[in-house]
């Protein structure tokens, strides 16, 4: 009879006072992130589904080897941190599947196949043409590869720090010099996220992509 190896889980504070990062010494999700805003959204993730049974749990975010849990403001972490940590550890030790099917099914991950590649290509060309015309009118440096450059910079300079704080950042769109991003996990609703966006990410992108970026804005997905 094989005895499952012990799994360690520890709690780590994040910049968001309402979020705590529960870090395991095993990988939970290889690539990508999932975030559940309520119990109904978590039907494909037994761990998140059961975490919503705890009083005051507002959001559950999972990526790599950690779970970030956000509570409502009137619940004290001192009362529930150890209980949740032991619950997460116990769930992982049980060997129960963390997800039913793909973990991204309930998170509306982009990737639908287009039935007509020719139509899709024509749409892409037209969008690029419109973006170029708008950029010229707005006096913004036009770069057809700007989306990729922004995503590469976010991946290299921003994502590791954000994940270290128990959250995630996703590039959503680039429109007329404005970079729209989506914040998840501990970063969503964090009081310091606005300062991070403006003083850190926005300044970095302006320096790396001069004339192309005017501002960085956090939007809802």
N, C-alpha and C. Protein backbone atom coordinates (compact mmCIF):
# COMPACT_ATOMS: atom_id res chain seq x y z
N UNK A 1 0.84 -1.19 0.00
CA UNK A 1 0.00 0.00 0.00
C UNK A 1 0.89 1.25 0.00
N UNK A 2 0.67 2.13 -1.00
CA UNK A 2 1.45 3.35 -1.10
C UNK A 2 0.87 4.44 -0.21
N UNK A 3 1.71 5.00 0.63
CA UNK A 3 1.28 6.10 1.49
C UNK A 3 1.56 7.43 0.78
N UNK A 4 0.51 8.26 0.59
CA UNK A 4 0.74 9.53 -0.10
C UNK A 4 1.71 10.41 0.67
N UNK A 5 2.59 11.07 -0.06
CA UNK A 5 3.57 11.92 0.62
C UNK A 5 2.86 13.12 1.22
N UNK A 6 3.35 13.63 2.33
CA UNK A 6 2.74 14.81 2.96
C UNK A 6 2.78 16.02 2.02
N UNK A 7 1.77 16.82 2.07
CA UNK A 7 1.72 18.06 1.29
C UNK A 7 1.68 19.22 2.27
N UNK A 8 2.56 20.15 2.06
CA UNK A 8 2.63 21.33 2.92
C UNK A 8 1.93 22.51 2.26
N UNK A 9 1.19 23.25 3.06
CA UNK A 9 0.51 24.46 2.59
C UNK A 9 0.77 25.55 3.62
N UNK A 10 1.22 26.71 3.16
CA UNK A 10 1.41 27.82 4.09
C UNK A 10 0.68 29.06 3.58
N UNK A 11 0.29 29.90 4.51
CA UNK A 11 -0.43 31.13 4.17
C UNK A 11 0.55 32.28 4.04
N UNK A 12 0.31 33.12 3.04
CA UNK A 12 1.20 34.25 2.78
C UNK A 12 0.36 35.51 2.56
N UNK A 13 0.71 36.58 3.23
CA UNK A 13 -0.01 37.84 3.06
C UNK A 13 0.22 38.40 1.67
N UNK A 14 -0.73 39.18 1.19
CA UNK A 14 -0.62 39.86 -0.10
C UNK A 14 -0.84 41.36 0.13
N UNK A 15 -0.55 42.19 -0.88
CA UNK A 15 -0.81 43.62 -0.71
C UNK A 15 -2.29 43.96 -0.50
N UNK A 16 -3.15 43.05 -0.88
CA UNK A 16 -4.59 43.26 -0.68
C UNK A 16 -4.97 42.72 0.69
N UNK A 17 -5.42 43.57 1.61
CA UNK A 17 -5.75 43.10 2.96
C UNK A 17 -6.88 42.08 3.01
N UNK A 18 -7.67 42.00 1.95
CA UNK A 18 -8.77 41.05 1.92
C UNK A 18 -8.41 39.72 1.25
N UNK A 19 -7.16 39.59 0.81
CA UNK A 19 -6.74 38.37 0.11
C UNK A 19 -5.53 37.74 0.78
N UNK A 20 -5.55 36.42 0.85
CA UNK A 20 -4.40 35.66 1.36
C UNK A 20 -4.07 34.57 0.34
N UNK A 21 -2.78 34.36 0.17
CA UNK A 21 -2.26 33.38 -0.78
C UNK A 21 -1.90 32.10 -0.02
N UNK A 22 -2.50 30.98 -0.39
CA UNK A 22 -2.21 29.70 0.23
C UNK A 22 -1.33 28.90 -0.74
N UNK A 23 -0.07 28.74 -0.36
CA UNK A 23 0.94 28.16 -1.25
C UNK A 23 1.18 26.69 -0.90
N UNK A 24 1.12 25.82 -1.91
CA UNK A 24 1.36 24.39 -1.71
C UNK A 24 2.71 24.00 -2.31
N UNK A 25 3.27 22.89 -1.86
CA UNK A 25 4.54 22.43 -2.43
C UNK A 25 4.30 21.42 -3.55
N UNK A 26 3.12 21.51 -4.18
CA UNK A 26 2.80 20.73 -5.38
C UNK A 26 2.17 21.68 -6.40
N UNK A 27 2.28 21.32 -7.68
CA UNK A 27 1.70 22.13 -8.72
C UNK A 27 0.19 21.88 -8.80
N UNK A 28 -0.57 22.97 -8.87
CA UNK A 28 -2.03 22.86 -8.95
C UNK A 28 -2.54 23.07 -10.36
N UNK A 29 -1.91 23.99 -11.08
CA UNK A 29 -2.37 24.30 -12.43
C UNK A 29 -1.18 24.65 -13.30
N UNK A 30 -0.94 23.83 -14.30
CA UNK A 30 0.19 24.04 -15.21
C UNK A 30 -0.23 25.00 -16.32
N UNK A 31 0.12 26.26 -16.19
CA UNK A 31 -0.21 27.23 -17.23
C UNK A 31 -1.62 27.77 -17.08
N UNK A 32 -1.76 29.08 -17.22
CA UNK A 32 -3.07 29.70 -17.13
C UNK A 32 -3.51 29.95 -15.70
N UNK A 33 -4.65 30.60 -15.58
CA UNK A 33 -5.23 30.89 -14.27
C UNK A 33 -6.73 30.67 -14.35
N UNK A 34 -7.33 30.39 -13.21
CA UNK A 34 -8.79 30.34 -13.13
C UNK A 34 -9.22 31.15 -11.91
N UNK A 35 -10.35 31.80 -12.03
CA UNK A 35 -10.87 32.60 -10.93
C UNK A 35 -12.37 32.40 -10.85
N UNK A 36 -12.86 32.12 -9.66
CA UNK A 36 -14.27 31.88 -9.45
C UNK A 36 -14.84 32.98 -8.55
N UNK A 37 -15.93 33.59 -9.00
CA UNK A 37 -16.53 34.70 -8.26
C UNK A 37 -17.66 34.23 -7.34
N UNK A 38 -18.12 33.01 -7.52
CA UNK A 38 -19.19 32.48 -6.68
C UNK A 38 -19.22 30.96 -6.83
N UNK A 39 -20.04 30.32 -6.03
CA UNK A 39 -20.10 28.86 -6.01
C UNK A 39 -20.60 28.28 -7.33
N UNK A 40 -21.54 28.98 -7.96
CA UNK A 40 -22.09 28.48 -9.22
C UNK A 40 -21.03 28.38 -10.30
N UNK A 41 -20.07 29.31 -10.30
CA UNK A 41 -19.01 29.29 -11.30
C UNK A 41 -17.99 28.17 -11.04
N UNK A 42 -17.98 27.65 -9.82
CA UNK A 42 -16.94 26.70 -9.42
C UNK A 42 -17.38 25.24 -9.53
N UNK A 43 -18.40 24.96 -10.32
CA UNK A 43 -18.90 23.59 -10.39
C UNK A 43 -17.88 22.61 -10.96
N UNK A 44 -16.90 23.09 -11.73
CA UNK A 44 -15.90 22.17 -12.30
C UNK A 44 -14.64 22.09 -11.44
N UNK A 45 -14.67 22.76 -10.27
CA UNK A 45 -13.50 22.73 -9.37
C UNK A 45 -13.97 22.43 -7.95
N UNK A 46 -13.89 21.16 -7.53
CA UNK A 46 -14.39 20.79 -6.20
C UNK A 46 -13.76 21.58 -5.06
N UNK A 47 -12.48 21.90 -5.17
CA UNK A 47 -11.83 22.66 -4.10
C UNK A 47 -12.47 24.04 -3.95
N UNK A 48 -12.57 24.77 -5.05
CA UNK A 48 -13.18 26.11 -5.00
C UNK A 48 -14.65 26.02 -4.59
N UNK A 49 -15.35 25.03 -5.11
CA UNK A 49 -16.77 24.85 -4.81
C UNK A 49 -16.97 24.72 -3.29
N UNK A 50 -16.12 23.92 -2.65
CA UNK A 50 -16.25 23.71 -1.21
C UNK A 50 -15.75 24.90 -0.39
N UNK A 51 -14.78 25.64 -0.92
CA UNK A 51 -14.28 26.82 -0.21
C UNK A 51 -15.38 27.88 -0.06
N UNK A 52 -16.28 27.94 -1.03
CA UNK A 52 -17.36 28.92 -0.95
C UNK A 52 -18.36 28.58 0.17
N UNK A 53 -18.24 27.38 0.76
CA UNK A 53 -19.10 27.04 1.90
C UNK A 53 -18.64 27.74 3.17
N UNK A 54 -17.40 28.22 3.18
CA UNK A 54 -16.90 28.96 4.33
C UNK A 54 -17.52 30.36 4.33
N UNK A 55 -17.91 30.80 5.49
CA UNK A 55 -18.53 32.12 5.61
C UNK A 55 -17.55 33.22 5.22
N UNK A 56 -18.01 34.13 4.38
CA UNK A 56 -17.22 35.31 4.05
C UNK A 56 -16.28 35.17 2.88
N UNK A 57 -16.26 34.00 2.19
CA UNK A 57 -15.38 33.84 1.03
C UNK A 57 -16.02 34.51 -0.18
N UNK A 58 -15.25 35.41 -0.80
CA UNK A 58 -15.78 36.21 -1.91
C UNK A 58 -15.28 35.73 -3.27
N UNK A 59 -14.00 35.35 -3.37
CA UNK A 59 -13.43 34.90 -4.64
C UNK A 59 -12.37 33.83 -4.38
N UNK A 60 -12.20 32.93 -5.35
CA UNK A 60 -11.15 31.92 -5.28
C UNK A 60 -10.38 31.95 -6.60
N UNK A 61 -9.07 32.11 -6.49
CA UNK A 61 -8.20 32.23 -7.65
C UNK A 61 -7.13 31.13 -7.57
N UNK A 62 -6.91 30.41 -8.68
CA UNK A 62 -5.95 29.30 -8.67
C UNK A 62 -5.00 29.43 -9.86
N UNK A 63 -3.71 29.29 -9.60
CA UNK A 63 -2.70 29.22 -10.65
C UNK A 63 -1.44 28.61 -10.07
N UNK A 64 -0.61 28.04 -10.93
CA UNK A 64 0.69 27.47 -10.52
C UNK A 64 0.52 26.60 -9.26
N UNK A 65 1.18 26.98 -8.17
CA UNK A 65 1.13 26.16 -6.95
C UNK A 65 0.44 26.87 -5.79
N UNK A 66 -0.47 27.81 -6.10
CA UNK A 66 -1.14 28.50 -5.00
C UNK A 66 -2.60 28.81 -5.29
N UNK A 67 -3.32 29.01 -4.21
CA UNK A 67 -4.72 29.44 -4.24
C UNK A 67 -4.80 30.77 -3.51
N UNK A 68 -5.33 31.79 -4.16
CA UNK A 68 -5.55 33.07 -3.49
C UNK A 68 -7.03 33.19 -3.18
N UNK A 69 -7.32 33.41 -1.91
CA UNK A 69 -8.71 33.51 -1.47
C UNK A 69 -8.98 34.93 -0.99
N UNK A 70 -10.05 35.50 -1.50
CA UNK A 70 -10.45 36.86 -1.12
C UNK A 70 -11.71 36.78 -0.28
N UNK A 71 -11.71 37.48 0.83
CA UNK A 71 -12.85 37.47 1.75
C UNK A 71 -13.59 38.79 1.66
N UNK A 72 -14.78 38.82 2.23
CA UNK A 72 -15.51 40.07 2.35
C UNK A 72 -14.89 40.86 3.51
N UNK A 73 -15.11 42.17 3.52
CA UNK A 73 -14.40 43.05 4.44
C UNK A 73 -14.67 42.85 5.91
N UNK A 74 -15.84 42.32 6.27
CA UNK A 74 -16.18 42.26 7.70
C UNK A 74 -15.76 40.95 8.37
N UNK A 75 -15.03 40.10 7.65
CA UNK A 75 -14.52 38.85 8.23
C UNK A 75 -13.05 39.04 8.57
N UNK A 76 -12.64 38.58 9.76
CA UNK A 76 -11.25 38.72 10.21
C UNK A 76 -10.45 37.49 9.78
N UNK A 77 -9.32 37.71 9.09
CA UNK A 77 -8.49 36.58 8.67
C UNK A 77 -8.02 35.76 9.86
N UNK A 78 -7.80 36.39 10.99
CA UNK A 78 -7.31 35.69 12.18
C UNK A 78 -8.24 34.54 12.54
N UNK A 79 -9.52 34.69 12.24
CA UNK A 79 -10.50 33.68 12.63
C UNK A 79 -10.53 32.49 11.69
N UNK A 80 -10.12 32.67 10.44
CA UNK A 80 -10.32 31.60 9.46
C UNK A 80 -9.07 31.13 8.72
N UNK A 81 -7.95 31.83 8.85
CA UNK A 81 -6.76 31.48 8.05
C UNK A 81 -6.31 30.04 8.28
N UNK A 82 -6.11 29.65 9.55
CA UNK A 82 -5.62 28.30 9.83
C UNK A 82 -6.62 27.23 9.41
N UNK A 83 -7.90 27.54 9.57
CA UNK A 83 -8.94 26.57 9.18
C UNK A 83 -8.90 26.33 7.68
N UNK A 84 -8.80 27.42 6.90
CA UNK A 84 -8.78 27.30 5.45
C UNK A 84 -7.49 26.62 4.99
N UNK A 85 -6.37 26.97 5.62
CA UNK A 85 -5.10 26.35 5.25
C UNK A 85 -5.16 24.83 5.43
N UNK A 86 -5.70 24.38 6.56
CA UNK A 86 -5.80 22.95 6.81
C UNK A 86 -6.81 22.29 5.87
N UNK A 87 -7.86 23.03 5.51
CA UNK A 87 -8.84 22.48 4.58
C UNK A 87 -8.20 22.26 3.21
N UNK A 88 -7.47 23.27 2.73
CA UNK A 88 -6.80 23.16 1.43
C UNK A 88 -5.80 22.00 1.45
N UNK A 89 -5.02 21.91 2.52
CA UNK A 89 -4.04 20.83 2.64
C UNK A 89 -4.73 19.47 2.65
N UNK A 90 -5.81 19.36 3.41
CA UNK A 90 -6.54 18.11 3.48
C UNK A 90 -7.13 17.70 2.14
N UNK A 91 -7.64 18.68 1.41
CA UNK A 91 -8.20 18.38 0.08
C UNK A 91 -7.11 17.85 -0.84
N UNK A 92 -5.96 18.51 -0.86
CA UNK A 92 -4.87 18.08 -1.73
C UNK A 92 -4.34 16.71 -1.32
N UNK A 93 -4.30 16.44 -0.02
CA UNK A 93 -3.84 15.15 0.47
C UNK A 93 -4.82 14.03 0.11
N UNK A 94 -6.09 14.36 -0.06
CA UNK A 94 -7.12 13.35 -0.32
C UNK A 94 -6.96 12.69 -1.68
N UNK A 95 -6.28 13.38 -2.59
CA UNK A 95 -6.11 12.83 -3.93
C UNK A 95 -7.28 13.09 -4.84
N UNK A 96 -8.30 13.79 -4.35
CA UNK A 96 -9.45 14.12 -5.18
C UNK A 96 -9.02 15.04 -6.32
N UNK A 97 -9.63 14.85 -7.49
CA UNK A 97 -9.29 15.67 -8.64
C UNK A 97 -9.59 17.14 -8.35
N UNK A 98 -8.67 17.99 -8.73
CA UNK A 98 -8.86 19.43 -8.50
C UNK A 98 -9.88 20.01 -9.47
N UNK A 99 -9.94 19.45 -10.68
CA UNK A 99 -10.88 19.94 -11.70
C UNK A 99 -11.59 18.78 -12.36
N UNK A 100 -12.82 19.02 -12.80
CA UNK A 100 -13.55 18.09 -13.64
C UNK A 100 -13.36 18.56 -15.08
N UNK A 101 -12.71 17.76 -15.92
CA UNK A 101 -12.48 18.19 -17.30
C UNK A 101 -11.46 19.33 -17.33
N UNK A 102 -11.60 20.20 -18.33
CA UNK A 102 -10.68 21.32 -18.46
C UNK A 102 -10.96 22.35 -17.38
N UNK A 103 -9.92 22.85 -16.72
CA UNK A 103 -10.14 23.88 -15.68
C UNK A 103 -10.62 25.19 -16.26
N UNK A 104 -10.51 25.36 -17.58
CA UNK A 104 -10.86 26.64 -18.19
C UNK A 104 -12.26 26.67 -18.78
N UNK A 105 -12.99 25.57 -18.71
CA UNK A 105 -14.33 25.51 -19.31
C UNK A 105 -15.27 26.58 -18.77
N UNK A 106 -15.22 26.82 -17.45
CA UNK A 106 -16.15 27.76 -16.84
C UNK A 106 -15.59 29.17 -16.77
N UNK A 107 -14.38 29.36 -17.35
CA UNK A 107 -13.74 30.67 -17.26
C UNK A 107 -13.68 31.40 -18.59
N UNK A 108 -14.41 30.86 -19.57
CA UNK A 108 -14.57 31.55 -20.85
C UNK A 108 -13.23 31.91 -21.47
N UNK A 109 -12.34 30.94 -21.52
CA UNK A 109 -11.03 31.19 -22.11
C UNK A 109 -11.16 31.31 -23.62
N UNK A 110 -10.59 32.36 -24.23
CA UNK A 110 -10.69 32.51 -25.68
C UNK A 110 -10.03 31.34 -26.39
N UNK A 111 -10.48 31.08 -27.61
CA UNK A 111 -9.86 30.01 -28.39
C UNK A 111 -10.86 29.29 -29.27
N UNK A 112 -12.01 29.90 -29.53
CA UNK A 112 -12.99 29.27 -30.40
C UNK A 112 -12.45 29.21 -31.82
N UNK A 113 -12.70 28.09 -32.49
CA UNK A 113 -12.26 27.95 -33.86
C UNK A 113 -13.21 28.70 -34.79
N UNK A 114 -12.64 29.37 -35.78
CA UNK A 114 -13.45 30.07 -36.75
C UNK A 114 -13.75 29.10 -37.89
N UNK A 115 -15.02 28.98 -38.25
CA UNK A 115 -15.40 28.05 -39.29
C UNK A 115 -14.91 28.48 -40.67
N UNK A 116 -14.64 29.76 -40.84
CA UNK A 116 -14.22 30.27 -42.13
C UNK A 116 -12.94 31.08 -41.98
N UNK A 117 -11.77 30.46 -42.21
CA UNK A 117 -10.49 31.15 -42.02
C UNK A 117 -10.35 32.39 -42.90
N UNK A 118 -10.94 32.36 -44.10
CA UNK A 118 -10.83 33.50 -45.01
C UNK A 118 -11.54 34.72 -44.45
N UNK A 119 -12.73 34.51 -43.88
CA UNK A 119 -13.48 35.62 -43.27
C UNK A 119 -12.71 36.17 -42.08
N UNK A 120 -12.15 35.27 -41.27
CA UNK A 120 -11.39 35.71 -40.10
C UNK A 120 -10.18 36.54 -40.51
N UNK A 121 -9.48 36.11 -41.59
CA UNK A 121 -8.31 36.84 -42.06
C UNK A 121 -8.68 38.23 -42.56
N UNK A 122 -9.81 38.31 -43.28
CA UNK A 122 -10.27 39.61 -43.79
C UNK A 122 -10.62 40.56 -42.65
N UNK A 123 -11.24 40.02 -41.60
CA UNK A 123 -11.58 40.84 -40.44
C UNK A 123 -10.33 41.37 -39.77
N UNK A 124 -9.31 40.51 -39.67
CA UNK A 124 -8.05 40.92 -39.04
C UNK A 124 -7.40 42.06 -39.81
N UNK A 125 -7.41 41.95 -41.14
CA UNK A 125 -6.83 42.99 -41.98
C UNK A 125 -7.58 44.30 -41.82
N UNK A 126 -8.91 44.24 -41.81
CA UNK A 126 -9.71 45.45 -41.67
C UNK A 126 -9.49 46.12 -40.31
N UNK A 127 -9.40 45.32 -39.26
CA UNK A 127 -9.15 45.86 -37.92
C UNK A 127 -7.81 46.56 -37.88
N UNK A 128 -6.79 45.95 -38.49
CA UNK A 128 -5.46 46.55 -38.51
C UNK A 128 -5.47 47.88 -39.26
N UNK A 129 -6.22 47.94 -40.37
CA UNK A 129 -6.32 49.18 -41.15
C UNK A 129 -6.98 50.29 -40.35
N UNK A 130 -8.05 49.93 -39.63
CA UNK A 130 -8.75 50.92 -38.81
C UNK A 130 -7.85 51.43 -37.70
N UNK A 131 -7.12 50.51 -37.07
CA UNK A 131 -6.21 50.90 -35.98
C UNK A 131 -5.14 51.87 -36.49
N UNK A 132 -4.64 51.61 -37.70
CA UNK A 132 -3.61 52.48 -38.27
C UNK A 132 -4.16 53.88 -38.51
N UNK A 133 -5.37 53.97 -39.08
CA UNK A 133 -5.97 55.26 -39.36
C UNK A 133 -6.23 56.04 -38.07
N UNK A 134 -6.74 55.35 -37.07
CA UNK A 134 -7.02 56.00 -35.79
C UNK A 134 -5.73 56.50 -35.14
N UNK A 135 -4.69 55.66 -35.19
CA UNK A 135 -3.41 56.04 -34.59
C UNK A 135 -2.86 57.30 -35.24
N UNK A 136 -2.94 57.38 -36.57
CA UNK A 136 -2.44 58.56 -37.28
C UNK A 136 -3.23 59.81 -36.90
N UNK A 137 -4.55 59.67 -36.77
CA UNK A 137 -5.39 60.80 -36.38
C UNK A 137 -5.09 61.25 -34.96
N UNK A 138 -4.78 60.30 -34.09
CA UNK A 138 -4.52 60.61 -32.69
C UNK A 138 -3.06 61.02 -32.45
N UNK A 139 -2.24 60.96 -33.48
CA UNK A 139 -0.83 61.31 -33.32
C UNK A 139 -0.04 60.28 -32.54
N UNK A 140 -0.45 59.01 -32.61
CA UNK A 140 0.21 57.93 -31.89
C UNK A 140 1.06 57.12 -32.86
N UNK A 141 2.26 56.73 -32.43
CA UNK A 141 3.12 55.91 -33.27
C UNK A 141 2.44 54.58 -33.57
N UNK A 142 2.26 54.26 -34.85
CA UNK A 142 1.57 53.02 -35.21
C UNK A 142 2.57 51.88 -35.34
N UNK A 143 2.26 50.78 -34.72
CA UNK A 143 3.11 49.60 -34.77
C UNK A 143 2.19 48.38 -34.87
N UNK A 144 2.21 47.68 -36.02
CA UNK A 144 1.29 46.54 -36.19
C UNK A 144 1.55 45.41 -35.20
N UNK A 145 2.74 45.38 -34.60
CA UNK A 145 3.07 44.32 -33.65
C UNK A 145 2.96 44.78 -32.20
N UNK A 146 2.27 45.90 -31.97
CA UNK A 146 2.24 46.49 -30.64
C UNK A 146 1.62 45.56 -29.60
N UNK A 147 0.56 44.83 -29.98
CA UNK A 147 -0.10 43.93 -29.03
C UNK A 147 0.90 42.89 -28.49
N UNK A 148 1.66 42.29 -29.41
CA UNK A 148 2.62 41.26 -29.00
C UNK A 148 3.73 41.86 -28.13
N UNK A 149 4.20 43.05 -28.49
CA UNK A 149 5.25 43.68 -27.71
C UNK A 149 4.77 43.97 -26.28
N UNK A 150 3.54 44.43 -26.15
CA UNK A 150 2.97 44.72 -24.82
C UNK A 150 2.88 43.43 -24.01
N UNK A 151 2.36 42.36 -24.64
CA UNK A 151 2.21 41.09 -23.92
C UNK A 151 3.57 40.54 -23.50
N UNK A 152 4.57 40.66 -24.37
CA UNK A 152 5.91 40.17 -24.03
C UNK A 152 6.50 40.94 -22.84
N UNK A 153 6.29 42.25 -22.83
CA UNK A 153 6.82 43.07 -21.73
C UNK A 153 6.10 42.75 -20.42
N UNK A 154 4.80 42.55 -20.49
CA UNK A 154 4.04 42.19 -19.28
C UNK A 154 4.51 40.83 -18.75
N UNK A 155 4.73 39.88 -19.67
CA UNK A 155 5.18 38.55 -19.26
C UNK A 155 6.56 38.59 -18.61
N UNK A 156 7.45 39.40 -19.16
CA UNK A 156 8.83 39.43 -18.68
C UNK A 156 9.02 40.25 -17.41
N UNK A 157 8.37 41.41 -17.34
CA UNK A 157 8.66 42.34 -16.24
C UNK A 157 7.57 42.43 -15.17
N UNK A 158 6.34 42.09 -15.54
CA UNK A 158 5.23 42.34 -14.61
C UNK A 158 4.66 41.06 -14.01
N UNK A 159 4.43 40.06 -14.85
CA UNK A 159 3.74 38.86 -14.40
C UNK A 159 4.40 38.18 -13.19
N UNK A 160 5.72 37.99 -13.16
CA UNK A 160 6.33 37.33 -12.00
C UNK A 160 6.05 38.05 -10.68
N UNK A 161 6.13 39.38 -10.70
CA UNK A 161 5.88 40.14 -9.47
C UNK A 161 4.43 40.05 -9.05
N UNK A 162 3.53 40.11 -10.02
CA UNK A 162 2.09 40.03 -9.73
C UNK A 162 1.74 38.67 -9.16
N UNK A 163 2.29 37.61 -9.75
CA UNK A 163 2.02 36.26 -9.22
C UNK A 163 2.60 36.10 -7.82
N UNK A 164 3.73 36.76 -7.58
CA UNK A 164 4.31 36.71 -6.24
C UNK A 164 3.41 37.33 -5.20
N UNK A 165 2.55 38.25 -5.63
CA UNK A 165 1.60 38.89 -4.72
C UNK A 165 0.25 38.17 -4.69
N UNK A 166 0.18 37.01 -5.35
CA UNK A 166 -1.04 36.22 -5.29
C UNK A 166 -2.08 36.58 -6.32
N UNK A 167 -1.66 37.21 -7.41
CA UNK A 167 -2.63 37.62 -8.42
C UNK A 167 -2.16 37.31 -9.83
N UNK A 168 -2.82 37.94 -10.79
CA UNK A 168 -2.46 37.75 -12.20
C UNK A 168 -2.88 38.99 -12.97
N UNK A 169 -2.19 39.23 -14.08
CA UNK A 169 -2.53 40.34 -14.97
C UNK A 169 -2.62 39.79 -16.38
N UNK A 170 -3.68 40.18 -17.09
CA UNK A 170 -3.87 39.74 -18.47
C UNK A 170 -4.04 40.94 -19.39
N UNK A 171 -3.34 40.91 -20.50
CA UNK A 171 -3.53 41.93 -21.52
C UNK A 171 -4.86 41.69 -22.20
N UNK A 172 -5.69 42.74 -22.27
CA UNK A 172 -7.01 42.62 -22.88
C UNK A 172 -7.04 43.26 -24.27
N UNK A 173 -6.57 44.50 -24.37
CA UNK A 173 -6.59 45.18 -25.66
C UNK A 173 -5.72 46.43 -25.62
N UNK A 174 -5.43 46.91 -26.82
CA UNK A 174 -4.68 48.17 -26.98
C UNK A 174 -5.49 49.03 -27.94
N UNK A 175 -5.98 50.17 -27.45
CA UNK A 175 -6.83 51.03 -28.26
C UNK A 175 -6.40 52.49 -28.11
N UNK A 176 -5.99 53.10 -29.22
CA UNK A 176 -5.66 54.54 -29.23
C UNK A 176 -4.69 54.94 -28.11
N UNK A 177 -3.67 54.14 -27.90
CA UNK A 177 -2.67 54.47 -26.90
C UNK A 177 -2.99 54.00 -25.50
N UNK A 178 -4.18 53.42 -25.30
CA UNK A 178 -4.58 52.91 -23.98
C UNK A 178 -4.43 51.40 -23.94
N UNK A 179 -3.68 50.93 -22.94
CA UNK A 179 -3.51 49.49 -22.73
C UNK A 179 -4.52 49.05 -21.67
N UNK A 180 -5.43 48.19 -22.06
CA UNK A 180 -6.44 47.67 -21.14
C UNK A 180 -6.00 46.31 -20.61
N UNK A 181 -5.97 46.18 -19.30
CA UNK A 181 -5.57 44.92 -18.67
C UNK A 181 -6.65 44.46 -17.70
N UNK A 182 -6.63 43.18 -17.39
CA UNK A 182 -7.55 42.59 -16.42
C UNK A 182 -6.73 42.09 -15.24
N UNK A 183 -7.09 42.50 -14.04
CA UNK A 183 -6.41 42.05 -12.83
C UNK A 183 -7.25 40.97 -12.15
N UNK A 184 -6.58 39.92 -11.68
CA UNK A 184 -7.29 38.83 -11.01
C UNK A 184 -6.61 38.49 -9.69
N UNK A 185 -7.28 37.64 -8.92
CA UNK A 185 -6.72 37.22 -7.65
C UNK A 185 -6.61 38.36 -6.67
N UNK A 186 -5.50 38.41 -5.93
CA UNK A 186 -5.30 39.43 -4.91
C UNK A 186 -5.22 40.83 -5.50
N UNK A 187 -4.84 40.93 -6.78
CA UNK A 187 -4.68 42.25 -7.41
C UNK A 187 -6.02 42.91 -7.69
N UNK A 188 -7.06 42.12 -7.88
CA UNK A 188 -8.38 42.67 -8.16
C UNK A 188 -8.97 43.28 -6.89
N UNK A 189 -9.21 44.58 -6.93
CA UNK A 189 -9.78 45.26 -5.77
C UNK A 189 -8.75 45.65 -4.73
N UNK A 190 -7.48 45.42 -5.01
CA UNK A 190 -6.43 45.78 -4.05
C UNK A 190 -6.25 47.30 -4.03
N UNK A 191 -6.20 47.93 -2.84
CA UNK A 191 -6.05 49.39 -2.75
C UNK A 191 -4.80 49.91 -3.44
N UNK A 192 -3.74 49.10 -3.51
CA UNK A 192 -2.49 49.56 -4.10
C UNK A 192 -2.38 49.28 -5.60
N UNK A 193 -3.40 48.61 -6.18
CA UNK A 193 -3.30 48.24 -7.58
C UNK A 193 -3.27 49.44 -8.51
N UNK A 194 -3.99 50.51 -8.16
CA UNK A 194 -3.99 51.71 -9.00
C UNK A 194 -2.60 52.34 -9.03
N UNK A 195 -1.95 52.40 -7.87
CA UNK A 195 -0.60 52.94 -7.80
C UNK A 195 0.35 52.08 -8.62
N UNK A 196 0.21 50.76 -8.52
CA UNK A 196 1.06 49.85 -9.28
C UNK A 196 0.88 50.05 -10.78
N UNK A 197 -0.39 50.19 -11.21
CA UNK A 197 -0.66 50.38 -12.62
C UNK A 197 -0.01 51.66 -13.14
N UNK A 198 -0.22 52.76 -12.42
CA UNK A 198 0.23 54.06 -12.91
C UNK A 198 1.73 54.29 -12.70
N UNK A 199 2.21 54.00 -11.51
CA UNK A 199 3.62 54.29 -11.20
C UNK A 199 4.56 53.22 -11.72
N UNK A 200 4.07 51.99 -11.84
CA UNK A 200 4.94 50.92 -12.28
C UNK A 200 4.72 50.50 -13.72
N UNK A 201 3.60 49.87 -13.98
CA UNK A 201 3.35 49.28 -15.30
C UNK A 201 3.24 50.34 -16.39
N UNK A 202 2.47 51.38 -16.13
CA UNK A 202 2.29 52.42 -17.14
C UNK A 202 3.61 53.10 -17.49
N UNK A 203 4.39 53.47 -16.48
CA UNK A 203 5.67 54.13 -16.74
C UNK A 203 6.63 53.22 -17.49
N UNK A 204 6.62 51.93 -17.13
CA UNK A 204 7.50 50.98 -17.80
C UNK A 204 7.15 50.86 -19.28
N UNK A 205 5.85 50.73 -19.60
CA UNK A 205 5.44 50.59 -21.00
C UNK A 205 5.70 51.87 -21.79
N UNK A 206 5.54 53.02 -21.16
CA UNK A 206 5.83 54.28 -21.84
C UNK A 206 7.31 54.38 -22.20
N UNK A 207 8.16 53.90 -21.31
CA UNK A 207 9.60 53.96 -21.56
C UNK A 207 10.02 52.94 -22.61
N UNK A 208 9.43 51.75 -22.56
CA UNK A 208 9.79 50.69 -23.49
C UNK A 208 9.19 50.89 -24.87
N UNK A 209 8.02 51.53 -24.92
CA UNK A 209 7.31 51.74 -26.18
C UNK A 209 6.98 53.23 -26.34
N UNK A 210 8.01 54.07 -26.46
CA UNK A 210 7.78 55.51 -26.52
C UNK A 210 6.89 55.92 -27.70
N UNK A 211 5.94 56.80 -27.40
CA UNK A 211 5.04 57.30 -28.43
C UNK A 211 3.86 56.41 -28.72
N UNK A 212 3.85 55.19 -28.16
CA UNK A 212 2.76 54.25 -28.44
C UNK A 212 1.77 54.12 -27.29
N UNK A 213 2.27 54.24 -26.05
CA UNK A 213 1.41 54.02 -24.88
C UNK A 213 1.17 55.34 -24.15
N UNK A 214 -0.11 55.63 -23.91
CA UNK A 214 -0.49 56.83 -23.16
C UNK A 214 -0.85 56.50 -21.72
N UNK A 215 -1.58 55.39 -21.55
CA UNK A 215 -2.02 55.01 -20.21
C UNK A 215 -2.31 53.54 -20.13
N UNK A 216 -2.35 53.03 -18.90
CA UNK A 216 -2.73 51.63 -18.64
C UNK A 216 -3.95 51.66 -17.73
N UNK A 217 -4.98 50.93 -18.12
CA UNK A 217 -6.25 50.95 -17.39
C UNK A 217 -6.68 49.53 -17.05
N UNK A 218 -7.13 49.32 -15.84
CA UNK A 218 -7.68 48.01 -15.44
C UNK A 218 -9.17 48.00 -15.73
N UNK A 219 -9.63 46.98 -16.44
CA UNK A 219 -11.03 46.86 -16.80
C UNK A 219 -11.56 45.51 -16.32
N UNK A 220 -12.88 45.36 -16.34
CA UNK A 220 -13.50 44.09 -16.00
C UNK A 220 -13.50 43.19 -17.22
N UNK A 221 -13.37 41.91 -16.99
CA UNK A 221 -13.31 40.96 -18.10
C UNK A 221 -14.68 40.77 -18.68
